[in-house]
């Protein structure tokens, strides 16, 4: 992703965080306490500076009652649209996993679709999501290990795993890395 795209996504995130924080009548200090992030980091995010990690986005979303997709989603699409391979909001974990938001469903429940890039050695452990959250991982290239932390399954191209997102779960690269599509389905009225 080029620097112009990063700036556009950072500005969108800044607007969402500021709007949500103000709607909740929270100060930066309040948000810092609920996320465990510094006020300086939050001020930078609201200024549209930097490119926060997946872990930072998760902490923000969790504290604000929003999913990561809601934090970084694009404006509502037209009747038809194409998202080119180099477009879309990117989230990256400090452990090497990279996700690109492909879709956020705006129906009574919430579904988010991410493209995951897991270079060799990448491993991301996710905290549990709200009750009723389901995840589907479809391997498209290489090998990917995923699922509940205690029951990882290894996927090869064409394989799909379905699991409960309400327990600690993992996405990890197999030897040589891998790529997958992740579909997260949240229950009605959840982030």
N, C-alpha and C. Protein backbone atom coordinates (compact mmCIF):
# COMPACT_ATOMS: atom_id res chain seq x y z
N UNK A 1 0.85 -1.16 0.00
CA UNK A 1 0.00 0.00 0.00
C UNK A 1 0.90 1.23 0.00
N UNK A 2 0.60 2.22 -0.85
CA UNK A 2 1.43 3.40 -0.94
C UNK A 2 1.11 4.39 0.18
N UNK A 3 1.96 5.40 0.34
CA UNK A 3 1.80 6.36 1.45
C UNK A 3 0.50 7.14 1.35
N UNK A 4 0.03 7.40 0.13
CA UNK A 4 -1.24 8.12 -0.03
C UNK A 4 -2.40 7.27 0.50
N UNK A 5 -2.41 5.97 0.19
CA UNK A 5 -3.46 5.08 0.67
C UNK A 5 -3.43 4.97 2.18
N UNK A 6 -2.23 4.86 2.76
CA UNK A 6 -2.11 4.79 4.22
C UNK A 6 -2.68 6.05 4.84
N UNK A 7 -2.39 7.20 4.25
CA UNK A 7 -2.91 8.47 4.79
C UNK A 7 -4.43 8.52 4.73
N UNK A 8 -5.02 8.04 3.64
CA UNK A 8 -6.48 8.03 3.50
C UNK A 8 -7.10 7.13 4.56
N UNK A 9 -6.53 5.93 4.76
CA UNK A 9 -7.06 5.01 5.76
C UNK A 9 -6.86 5.55 7.17
N UNK A 10 -5.71 6.17 7.43
CA UNK A 10 -5.45 6.75 8.75
C UNK A 10 -6.43 7.88 9.05
N UNK A 11 -6.76 8.68 8.04
CA UNK A 11 -7.71 9.77 8.23
C UNK A 11 -9.12 9.24 8.51
N UNK A 12 -9.50 8.18 7.81
CA UNK A 12 -10.81 7.56 8.04
C UNK A 12 -10.89 7.02 9.47
N UNK A 13 -9.83 6.32 9.91
CA UNK A 13 -9.79 5.81 11.28
C UNK A 13 -9.88 6.96 12.27
N UNK A 14 -9.15 8.03 12.01
CA UNK A 14 -9.18 9.20 12.89
C UNK A 14 -10.60 9.73 13.06
N UNK A 15 -11.31 9.83 11.95
CA UNK A 15 -12.69 10.35 12.00
C UNK A 15 -13.61 9.43 12.80
N UNK A 16 -13.48 8.13 12.59
CA UNK A 16 -14.34 7.17 13.30
C UNK A 16 -14.05 7.21 14.80
N UNK A 17 -12.77 7.17 15.18
CA UNK A 17 -12.42 7.16 16.60
C UNK A 17 -12.89 8.44 17.27
N UNK A 18 -12.64 9.58 16.65
CA UNK A 18 -13.05 10.87 17.24
C UNK A 18 -14.57 10.94 17.36
N UNK A 19 -15.28 10.56 16.30
CA UNK A 19 -16.75 10.60 16.31
C UNK A 19 -17.31 9.67 17.40
N UNK A 20 -16.79 8.47 17.49
CA UNK A 20 -17.28 7.52 18.49
C UNK A 20 -16.94 7.97 19.91
N UNK A 21 -15.74 8.48 20.11
CA UNK A 21 -15.34 8.95 21.44
C UNK A 21 -16.21 10.12 21.88
N UNK A 22 -16.43 11.07 20.98
CA UNK A 22 -17.26 12.23 21.31
C UNK A 22 -18.71 11.84 21.54
N UNK A 23 -19.22 10.87 20.77
CA UNK A 23 -20.60 10.41 20.96
C UNK A 23 -20.79 9.78 22.33
N UNK A 24 -19.72 9.24 22.89
CA UNK A 24 -19.78 8.62 24.21
C UNK A 24 -19.38 9.60 25.32
N UNK A 25 -19.13 10.85 24.94
CA UNK A 25 -18.70 11.88 25.89
C UNK A 25 -17.45 11.44 26.66
N UNK A 26 -16.51 10.86 25.94
CA UNK A 26 -15.26 10.41 26.55
C UNK A 26 -14.14 11.40 26.23
N UNK A 27 -13.29 11.64 27.20
CA UNK A 27 -12.07 12.40 26.95
C UNK A 27 -11.01 11.42 26.43
N UNK A 28 -9.90 11.96 25.94
CA UNK A 28 -8.79 11.09 25.54
C UNK A 28 -8.29 10.29 26.74
N UNK A 29 -8.30 10.92 27.92
CA UNK A 29 -7.88 10.23 29.14
C UNK A 29 -8.79 9.05 29.46
N UNK A 30 -10.12 9.25 29.30
CA UNK A 30 -11.07 8.15 29.52
C UNK A 30 -10.77 6.99 28.58
N UNK A 31 -10.57 7.32 27.30
CA UNK A 31 -10.31 6.29 26.31
C UNK A 31 -8.97 5.62 26.58
N UNK A 32 -7.97 6.37 27.01
CA UNK A 32 -6.67 5.81 27.34
C UNK A 32 -6.80 4.79 28.47
N UNK A 33 -7.57 5.11 29.49
CA UNK A 33 -7.77 4.18 30.61
C UNK A 33 -8.48 2.91 30.16
N UNK A 34 -9.47 3.04 29.29
CA UNK A 34 -10.23 1.85 28.89
C UNK A 34 -9.50 0.98 27.86
N UNK A 35 -8.53 1.55 27.14
CA UNK A 35 -7.79 0.78 26.14
C UNK A 35 -6.42 0.32 26.63
N UNK A 36 -5.87 1.03 27.63
CA UNK A 36 -4.50 0.75 28.05
C UNK A 36 -3.48 1.38 27.13
N UNK A 37 -3.94 2.23 26.20
CA UNK A 37 -3.05 2.95 25.29
C UNK A 37 -2.76 4.33 25.88
N UNK A 38 -1.66 4.93 25.51
CA UNK A 38 -1.33 6.26 26.02
C UNK A 38 -2.18 7.33 25.34
N UNK A 39 -2.37 8.44 26.05
CA UNK A 39 -3.10 9.57 25.46
C UNK A 39 -2.37 10.07 24.21
N UNK A 40 -1.05 10.03 24.24
CA UNK A 40 -0.27 10.47 23.09
C UNK A 40 -0.56 9.60 21.87
N UNK A 41 -0.60 8.29 22.06
CA UNK A 41 -0.91 7.37 20.95
C UNK A 41 -2.31 7.64 20.41
N UNK A 42 -3.26 7.82 21.31
CA UNK A 42 -4.64 8.08 20.88
C UNK A 42 -4.75 9.43 20.16
N UNK A 43 -4.04 10.43 20.65
CA UNK A 43 -4.06 11.74 19.98
C UNK A 43 -3.49 11.63 18.57
N UNK A 44 -2.43 10.82 18.41
CA UNK A 44 -1.85 10.61 17.07
C UNK A 44 -2.84 9.92 16.14
N UNK A 45 -3.57 8.93 16.68
CA UNK A 45 -4.57 8.23 15.86
C UNK A 45 -5.65 9.21 15.44
N UNK A 46 -6.13 10.02 16.37
CA UNK A 46 -7.17 11.00 16.04
C UNK A 46 -6.68 12.10 15.11
N UNK A 47 -5.37 12.29 15.05
CA UNK A 47 -4.80 13.28 14.13
C UNK A 47 -4.54 12.66 12.75
N UNK A 48 -4.81 11.36 12.62
CA UNK A 48 -4.60 10.69 11.34
C UNK A 48 -3.15 10.36 11.08
N UNK A 49 -2.34 10.27 12.14
CA UNK A 49 -0.92 9.97 12.01
C UNK A 49 -0.66 8.50 12.31
N UNK A 50 0.27 7.93 11.62
CA UNK A 50 0.68 6.57 11.90
C UNK A 50 -0.22 5.52 11.27
N UNK A 51 0.11 4.28 11.55
CA UNK A 51 -0.60 3.13 11.01
C UNK A 51 -0.69 2.11 12.15
N UNK A 52 -1.74 2.21 13.01
CA UNK A 52 -1.80 1.37 14.21
C UNK A 52 -1.85 -0.13 13.89
N UNK A 53 -1.27 -0.91 14.77
CA UNK A 53 -1.23 -2.35 14.61
C UNK A 53 -2.62 -2.95 14.83
N UNK A 54 -2.76 -4.20 14.44
CA UNK A 54 -4.00 -4.94 14.66
C UNK A 54 -4.31 -5.00 16.15
N UNK A 55 -3.29 -5.20 16.97
CA UNK A 55 -3.51 -5.25 18.42
C UNK A 55 -4.06 -3.93 18.94
N UNK A 56 -3.55 -2.81 18.45
CA UNK A 56 -4.05 -1.49 18.86
C UNK A 56 -5.49 -1.30 18.40
N UNK A 57 -5.78 -1.69 17.16
CA UNK A 57 -7.16 -1.58 16.67
C UNK A 57 -8.11 -2.44 17.49
N UNK A 58 -7.67 -3.62 17.87
CA UNK A 58 -8.52 -4.50 18.67
C UNK A 58 -8.82 -3.86 20.02
N UNK A 59 -7.81 -3.28 20.66
CA UNK A 59 -8.02 -2.62 21.96
C UNK A 59 -8.98 -1.45 21.83
N UNK A 60 -8.81 -0.67 20.77
CA UNK A 60 -9.72 0.47 20.52
C UNK A 60 -11.15 -0.02 20.30
N UNK A 61 -11.29 -0.98 19.41
CA UNK A 61 -12.62 -1.49 19.10
C UNK A 61 -13.30 -2.09 20.32
N UNK A 62 -12.54 -2.88 21.08
CA UNK A 62 -13.10 -3.52 22.27
C UNK A 62 -13.59 -2.47 23.28
N UNK A 63 -12.79 -1.44 23.50
CA UNK A 63 -13.16 -0.38 24.44
C UNK A 63 -14.36 0.43 23.97
N UNK A 64 -14.53 0.57 22.65
CA UNK A 64 -15.61 1.38 22.10
C UNK A 64 -16.82 0.56 21.68
N UNK A 65 -16.75 -0.75 21.87
CA UNK A 65 -17.87 -1.60 21.47
C UNK A 65 -18.01 -1.72 19.96
N UNK A 66 -16.88 -1.66 19.25
CA UNK A 66 -16.87 -1.74 17.79
C UNK A 66 -15.96 -2.88 17.35
N UNK A 67 -16.27 -3.45 16.20
CA UNK A 67 -15.37 -4.44 15.61
C UNK A 67 -14.25 -3.70 14.88
N UNK A 68 -13.21 -4.42 14.53
CA UNK A 68 -12.13 -3.81 13.76
C UNK A 68 -12.67 -3.31 12.43
N UNK A 69 -13.55 -4.09 11.82
CA UNK A 69 -14.15 -3.67 10.56
C UNK A 69 -14.90 -2.35 10.67
N UNK A 70 -15.60 -2.15 11.79
CA UNK A 70 -16.32 -0.89 11.98
C UNK A 70 -15.36 0.28 12.14
N UNK A 71 -14.17 0.03 12.69
CA UNK A 71 -13.18 1.10 12.83
C UNK A 71 -12.59 1.51 11.50
N UNK A 72 -12.40 0.55 10.59
CA UNK A 72 -11.64 0.85 9.37
C UNK A 72 -12.47 0.77 8.09
N UNK A 73 -13.77 0.52 8.22
CA UNK A 73 -14.57 0.30 7.02
C UNK A 73 -14.61 1.52 6.10
N UNK A 74 -14.82 1.22 4.85
CA UNK A 74 -14.97 2.24 3.82
C UNK A 74 -16.37 2.84 3.94
N UNK A 75 -16.63 4.00 3.36
CA UNK A 75 -17.99 4.52 3.32
C UNK A 75 -18.90 3.52 2.59
N UNK A 76 -20.20 3.60 2.85
CA UNK A 76 -21.16 2.67 2.23
C UNK A 76 -20.95 2.63 0.71
N UNK A 77 -20.90 1.41 0.14
CA UNK A 77 -20.63 1.30 -1.29
C UNK A 77 -21.82 1.68 -2.16
N UNK A 78 -21.52 1.98 -3.40
CA UNK A 78 -22.55 2.25 -4.39
C UNK A 78 -23.23 0.92 -4.73
N UNK A 79 -24.16 0.93 -5.69
CA UNK A 79 -24.85 -0.29 -6.07
C UNK A 79 -23.89 -1.39 -6.50
N UNK A 80 -22.80 -0.99 -7.11
CA UNK A 80 -21.79 -1.95 -7.56
C UNK A 80 -20.43 -1.30 -7.40
N UNK A 81 -19.44 -2.10 -7.03
CA UNK A 81 -18.09 -1.55 -6.91
C UNK A 81 -17.08 -2.66 -7.09
N UNK A 82 -15.87 -2.28 -7.41
CA UNK A 82 -14.76 -3.21 -7.53
C UNK A 82 -13.68 -2.73 -6.57
N UNK A 83 -13.16 -3.65 -5.80
CA UNK A 83 -12.02 -3.34 -4.95
C UNK A 83 -10.82 -4.03 -5.56
N UNK A 84 -9.91 -3.25 -6.07
CA UNK A 84 -8.73 -3.78 -6.73
C UNK A 84 -7.77 -4.39 -5.71
N UNK A 85 -6.86 -5.24 -6.19
CA UNK A 85 -5.96 -5.99 -5.32
C UNK A 85 -5.12 -5.09 -4.41
N UNK A 86 -4.83 -3.87 -4.81
CA UNK A 86 -3.99 -2.97 -4.01
C UNK A 86 -4.82 -2.02 -3.16
N UNK A 87 -6.15 -2.16 -3.15
CA UNK A 87 -7.02 -1.27 -2.40
C UNK A 87 -7.58 -1.96 -1.16
N UNK A 88 -8.13 -1.16 -0.25
CA UNK A 88 -8.75 -1.71 0.95
C UNK A 88 -7.96 -1.36 2.20
N UNK A 89 -8.66 -1.28 3.31
CA UNK A 89 -8.03 -0.98 4.58
C UNK A 89 -7.19 -2.17 5.05
N UNK A 90 -5.97 -1.88 5.45
CA UNK A 90 -5.02 -2.91 5.88
C UNK A 90 -4.84 -2.84 7.38
N UNK A 91 -4.82 -4.01 8.02
CA UNK A 91 -4.46 -4.11 9.43
C UNK A 91 -3.30 -5.09 9.53
N UNK A 92 -2.34 -4.80 10.41
CA UNK A 92 -1.19 -5.67 10.57
C UNK A 92 -0.96 -5.93 12.05
N UNK A 93 -0.62 -7.17 12.36
CA UNK A 93 -0.28 -7.50 13.75
C UNK A 93 1.21 -7.33 13.95
N UNK A 94 1.61 -7.19 15.19
CA UNK A 94 3.03 -7.07 15.48
C UNK A 94 3.75 -8.40 15.26
N UNK A 95 2.99 -9.49 15.08
CA UNK A 95 3.57 -10.82 14.87
C UNK A 95 3.64 -11.21 13.40
N UNK A 96 3.34 -10.26 12.49
CA UNK A 96 3.54 -10.52 11.07
C UNK A 96 2.30 -10.77 10.24
N UNK A 97 1.14 -11.02 10.86
CA UNK A 97 -0.06 -11.26 10.06
C UNK A 97 -0.55 -9.94 9.48
N UNK A 98 -1.01 -9.99 8.25
CA UNK A 98 -1.52 -8.80 7.56
C UNK A 98 -2.90 -9.13 7.03
N UNK A 99 -3.89 -8.27 7.32
CA UNK A 99 -5.25 -8.48 6.83
C UNK A 99 -5.73 -7.29 6.03
N UNK A 100 -6.51 -7.58 5.00
CA UNK A 100 -7.09 -6.51 4.17
C UNK A 100 -8.60 -6.69 4.22
N UNK A 101 -9.31 -5.66 4.71
CA UNK A 101 -10.76 -5.73 4.82
C UNK A 101 -11.36 -5.77 3.42
N UNK A 102 -12.14 -6.82 3.15
CA UNK A 102 -12.79 -6.97 1.85
C UNK A 102 -14.24 -6.53 1.90
N UNK A 103 -14.91 -6.77 3.02
CA UNK A 103 -16.34 -6.45 3.11
C UNK A 103 -16.77 -6.33 4.56
N UNK A 104 -17.67 -5.40 4.83
CA UNK A 104 -18.35 -5.30 6.11
C UNK A 104 -19.83 -5.28 5.81
N UNK A 105 -20.55 -6.26 6.28
CA UNK A 105 -21.99 -6.38 6.06
C UNK A 105 -22.71 -5.43 7.03
N UNK A 106 -23.69 -4.72 6.55
CA UNK A 106 -24.40 -3.75 7.37
C UNK A 106 -25.81 -4.21 7.75
N UNK A 107 -26.05 -5.52 7.80
CA UNK A 107 -27.38 -6.02 8.14
C UNK A 107 -27.54 -6.09 9.66
N UNK A 108 -28.64 -6.70 10.14
CA UNK A 108 -28.92 -6.74 11.58
C UNK A 108 -27.83 -7.48 12.36
N UNK A 109 -27.15 -8.41 11.73
CA UNK A 109 -25.96 -9.00 12.33
C UNK A 109 -24.78 -8.41 11.58
N UNK A 110 -23.60 -8.75 11.96
CA UNK A 110 -22.43 -8.16 11.31
C UNK A 110 -21.52 -9.26 10.79
N UNK A 111 -21.13 -9.13 9.53
CA UNK A 111 -20.18 -10.06 8.93
C UNK A 111 -19.05 -9.24 8.34
N UNK A 112 -17.83 -9.69 8.59
CA UNK A 112 -16.66 -9.02 8.03
C UNK A 112 -15.82 -10.05 7.29
N UNK A 113 -15.28 -9.64 6.15
CA UNK A 113 -14.47 -10.53 5.32
C UNK A 113 -13.09 -9.89 5.16
N UNK A 114 -12.05 -10.63 5.54
CA UNK A 114 -10.68 -10.15 5.44
C UNK A 114 -9.87 -11.10 4.56
N UNK A 115 -8.92 -10.56 3.84
CA UNK A 115 -7.90 -11.35 3.16
C UNK A 115 -6.69 -11.35 4.10
N UNK A 116 -6.20 -12.54 4.46
CA UNK A 116 -5.06 -12.63 5.37
C UNK A 116 -3.80 -13.04 4.62
N UNK A 117 -2.72 -12.36 4.91
CA UNK A 117 -1.40 -12.70 4.38
C UNK A 117 -0.55 -13.07 5.58
N UNK A 118 -0.09 -14.32 5.63
CA UNK A 118 0.68 -14.82 6.76
C UNK A 118 2.06 -15.26 6.27
N UNK A 119 3.04 -14.36 6.30
CA UNK A 119 4.39 -14.77 5.88
C UNK A 119 4.94 -15.81 6.85
N UNK A 120 5.91 -16.58 6.39
CA UNK A 120 6.50 -17.63 7.22
C UNK A 120 6.88 -17.06 8.59
N UNK A 121 6.47 -17.74 9.65
CA UNK A 121 6.76 -17.32 11.02
C UNK A 121 5.67 -16.46 11.64
N UNK A 122 4.69 -15.99 10.84
CA UNK A 122 3.63 -15.14 11.38
C UNK A 122 2.69 -15.97 12.25
N UNK A 123 2.31 -15.40 13.38
CA UNK A 123 1.36 -16.05 14.29
C UNK A 123 0.63 -14.96 15.05
N UNK A 124 -0.69 -14.99 15.00
CA UNK A 124 -1.51 -14.01 15.72
C UNK A 124 -2.48 -14.75 16.61
N UNK A 125 -2.47 -14.43 17.90
CA UNK A 125 -3.41 -15.02 18.86
C UNK A 125 -4.46 -13.97 19.18
N UNK A 126 -5.71 -14.28 18.91
CA UNK A 126 -6.82 -13.35 19.12
C UNK A 126 -7.52 -13.65 20.43
N UNK A 127 -7.86 -12.60 21.13
CA UNK A 127 -8.69 -12.75 22.32
C UNK A 127 -10.09 -13.18 21.90
N UNK A 128 -10.87 -13.76 22.81
CA UNK A 128 -12.23 -14.17 22.48
C UNK A 128 -13.10 -12.98 22.07
N UNK A 129 -14.04 -13.23 21.17
CA UNK A 129 -15.02 -12.23 20.74
C UNK A 129 -16.33 -12.46 21.49
N UNK A 130 -17.33 -11.63 21.22
CA UNK A 130 -18.63 -11.74 21.88
C UNK A 130 -19.27 -13.11 21.65
N UNK A 131 -20.11 -13.51 22.60
CA UNK A 131 -20.84 -14.79 22.49
C UNK A 131 -21.57 -14.85 21.16
N UNK A 132 -21.50 -16.01 20.51
CA UNK A 132 -22.18 -16.22 19.23
C UNK A 132 -21.35 -15.91 18.01
N UNK A 133 -20.12 -15.41 18.20
CA UNK A 133 -19.26 -15.09 17.06
C UNK A 133 -18.71 -16.39 16.45
N UNK A 134 -18.83 -16.49 15.12
CA UNK A 134 -18.33 -17.65 14.38
C UNK A 134 -17.27 -17.17 13.39
N UNK A 135 -16.29 -18.01 13.11
CA UNK A 135 -15.26 -17.66 12.15
C UNK A 135 -15.09 -18.79 11.13
N UNK A 136 -14.82 -18.38 9.90
CA UNK A 136 -14.57 -19.30 8.80
C UNK A 136 -13.25 -18.86 8.16
N UNK A 137 -12.32 -19.80 8.00
CA UNK A 137 -11.03 -19.50 7.35
C UNK A 137 -10.89 -20.42 6.16
N UNK A 138 -10.68 -19.83 4.98
CA UNK A 138 -10.51 -20.59 3.75
C UNK A 138 -9.10 -20.33 3.22
N UNK A 139 -8.29 -21.38 3.17
CA UNK A 139 -6.90 -21.27 2.72
C UNK A 139 -6.88 -21.17 1.19
N UNK A 140 -6.16 -20.17 0.67
CA UNK A 140 -6.06 -20.00 -0.78
C UNK A 140 -4.65 -20.24 -1.31
N UNK A 141 -3.64 -20.23 -0.42
CA UNK A 141 -2.27 -20.43 -0.87
C UNK A 141 -1.41 -20.86 0.31
N UNK A 142 -0.45 -21.75 0.07
CA UNK A 142 0.45 -22.19 1.13
C UNK A 142 -0.28 -23.01 2.17
N UNK A 143 0.16 -22.89 3.41
CA UNK A 143 -0.53 -23.57 4.51
C UNK A 143 -0.79 -22.58 5.63
N UNK A 144 -1.93 -22.79 6.31
CA UNK A 144 -2.35 -21.92 7.39
C UNK A 144 -2.84 -22.80 8.53
N UNK A 145 -2.39 -22.52 9.75
CA UNK A 145 -2.92 -23.19 10.93
C UNK A 145 -3.85 -22.20 11.62
N UNK A 146 -5.02 -22.68 12.05
CA UNK A 146 -5.97 -21.77 12.67
C UNK A 146 -6.93 -22.53 13.57
N UNK A 147 -7.71 -21.77 14.32
CA UNK A 147 -8.73 -22.35 15.17
C UNK A 147 -8.48 -22.05 16.63
N UNK A 148 -9.28 -22.65 17.51
CA UNK A 148 -9.07 -22.47 18.94
C UNK A 148 -7.64 -22.84 19.31
N UNK A 149 -7.05 -22.07 20.22
CA UNK A 149 -5.64 -22.24 20.56
C UNK A 149 -5.30 -23.68 20.95
N UNK A 150 -6.24 -24.38 21.54
CA UNK A 150 -5.99 -25.75 21.99
C UNK A 150 -6.28 -26.80 20.90
N UNK A 151 -6.86 -26.37 19.75
CA UNK A 151 -7.25 -27.33 18.72
C UNK A 151 -6.95 -26.80 17.32
N UNK A 152 -5.72 -26.36 17.09
CA UNK A 152 -5.38 -25.82 15.77
C UNK A 152 -5.50 -26.90 14.70
N UNK A 153 -5.98 -26.48 13.54
CA UNK A 153 -6.04 -27.36 12.38
C UNK A 153 -5.16 -26.75 11.30
N UNK A 154 -4.54 -27.59 10.47
CA UNK A 154 -3.71 -27.10 9.39
C UNK A 154 -4.49 -27.19 8.09
N UNK A 155 -4.51 -26.07 7.37
CA UNK A 155 -5.24 -25.99 6.12
C UNK A 155 -4.28 -25.88 4.95
N UNK A 156 -4.64 -26.52 3.85
CA UNK A 156 -3.94 -26.38 2.58
C UNK A 156 -4.89 -25.70 1.61
N UNK A 157 -4.41 -25.24 0.45
CA UNK A 157 -5.29 -24.55 -0.49
C UNK A 157 -6.57 -25.32 -0.77
N UNK A 158 -7.69 -24.62 -0.64
CA UNK A 158 -9.00 -25.21 -0.86
C UNK A 158 -9.67 -25.70 0.41
N UNK A 159 -8.90 -25.87 1.51
CA UNK A 159 -9.47 -26.32 2.78
C UNK A 159 -10.12 -25.14 3.51
N UNK A 160 -11.17 -25.44 4.27
CA UNK A 160 -11.89 -24.42 5.04
C UNK A 160 -12.09 -24.91 6.46
N UNK A 161 -11.83 -24.05 7.43
CA UNK A 161 -12.06 -24.35 8.85
C UNK A 161 -13.19 -23.46 9.36
N UNK A 162 -14.03 -24.02 10.22
CA UNK A 162 -15.14 -23.30 10.84
C UNK A 162 -14.95 -23.44 12.34
N UNK A 163 -14.98 -22.33 13.08
CA UNK A 163 -14.78 -22.46 14.53
C UNK A 163 -15.44 -21.32 15.31
N UNK A 164 -15.55 -21.57 16.59
CA UNK A 164 -16.15 -20.65 17.55
C UNK A 164 -15.15 -19.53 17.84
N UNK A 165 -15.56 -18.29 17.63
CA UNK A 165 -14.68 -17.15 17.88
C UNK A 165 -14.75 -16.65 19.31
N UNK A 166 -15.47 -17.36 20.19
CA UNK A 166 -15.64 -16.89 21.57
C UNK A 166 -14.59 -17.46 22.52
N UNK A 167 -13.60 -18.14 21.95
CA UNK A 167 -12.47 -18.65 22.73
C UNK A 167 -11.19 -18.07 22.13
N UNK A 168 -10.12 -18.09 22.88
CA UNK A 168 -8.84 -17.65 22.33
C UNK A 168 -8.53 -18.49 21.10
N UNK A 169 -8.20 -17.82 20.00
CA UNK A 169 -7.95 -18.53 18.75
C UNK A 169 -6.73 -17.94 18.04
N UNK A 170 -6.22 -18.73 17.07
CA UNK A 170 -4.93 -18.42 16.46
C UNK A 170 -5.05 -18.47 14.94
N UNK A 171 -4.26 -17.63 14.28
CA UNK A 171 -4.02 -17.70 12.84
C UNK A 171 -2.50 -17.74 12.72
N UNK A 172 -1.97 -18.76 12.07
CA UNK A 172 -0.51 -18.89 11.96
C UNK A 172 -0.12 -19.42 10.59
N UNK A 173 1.04 -18.99 10.14
CA UNK A 173 1.58 -19.45 8.86
C UNK A 173 2.15 -20.85 9.01
N UNK A 174 1.92 -21.66 7.99
CA UNK A 174 2.60 -22.94 7.92
C UNK A 174 3.98 -22.72 7.31
N UNK A 175 4.73 -23.79 7.10
CA UNK A 175 6.05 -23.64 6.46
C UNK A 175 5.91 -22.93 5.11
N UNK A 176 6.67 -21.89 4.90
CA UNK A 176 6.60 -21.15 3.64
C UNK A 176 5.53 -20.08 3.62
N UNK A 177 4.72 -19.98 4.69
CA UNK A 177 3.68 -18.96 4.75
C UNK A 177 2.39 -19.40 4.09
N UNK A 178 1.41 -18.52 4.12
CA UNK A 178 0.12 -18.84 3.53
C UNK A 178 -0.77 -17.62 3.39
N UNK A 179 -1.83 -17.81 2.62
CA UNK A 179 -2.85 -16.76 2.44
C UNK A 179 -4.20 -17.41 2.65
N UNK A 180 -5.13 -16.62 3.20
CA UNK A 180 -6.46 -17.16 3.48
C UNK A 180 -7.49 -16.04 3.44
N UNK A 181 -8.73 -16.44 3.34
CA UNK A 181 -9.86 -15.51 3.48
C UNK A 181 -10.49 -15.83 4.84
N UNK A 182 -10.70 -14.80 5.65
CA UNK A 182 -11.31 -14.93 6.97
C UNK A 182 -12.68 -14.27 6.94
N UNK A 183 -13.70 -15.01 7.36
CA UNK A 183 -15.06 -14.46 7.47
C UNK A 183 -15.45 -14.51 8.94
N UNK A 184 -15.74 -13.36 9.52
CA UNK A 184 -16.15 -13.27 10.92
C UNK A 184 -17.62 -12.89 10.94
N UNK A 185 -18.42 -13.69 11.63
CA UNK A 185 -19.86 -13.44 11.72
C UNK A 185 -20.21 -13.20 13.17
N UNK A 186 -20.68 -12.00 13.46
CA UNK A 186 -21.04 -11.61 14.82
C UNK A 186 -22.55 -11.76 15.00
N UNK A 187 -23.00 -12.05 16.22
CA UNK A 187 -24.43 -12.15 16.47
C UNK A 187 -25.10 -10.78 16.40
N UNK A 188 -26.44 -10.73 16.26
CA UNK A 188 -27.14 -9.44 16.26
C UNK A 188 -26.78 -8.62 17.49
N UNK A 189 -26.71 -7.32 17.32
CA UNK A 189 -26.47 -6.36 18.40
C UNK A 189 -25.11 -6.47 19.05
N UNK A 190 -24.12 -7.03 18.35
CA UNK A 190 -22.77 -7.04 18.92
C UNK A 190 -21.89 -6.15 18.06
N UNK A 191 -20.67 -5.89 18.58
CA UNK A 191 -19.73 -5.09 17.81
C UNK A 191 -19.35 -5.90 16.64
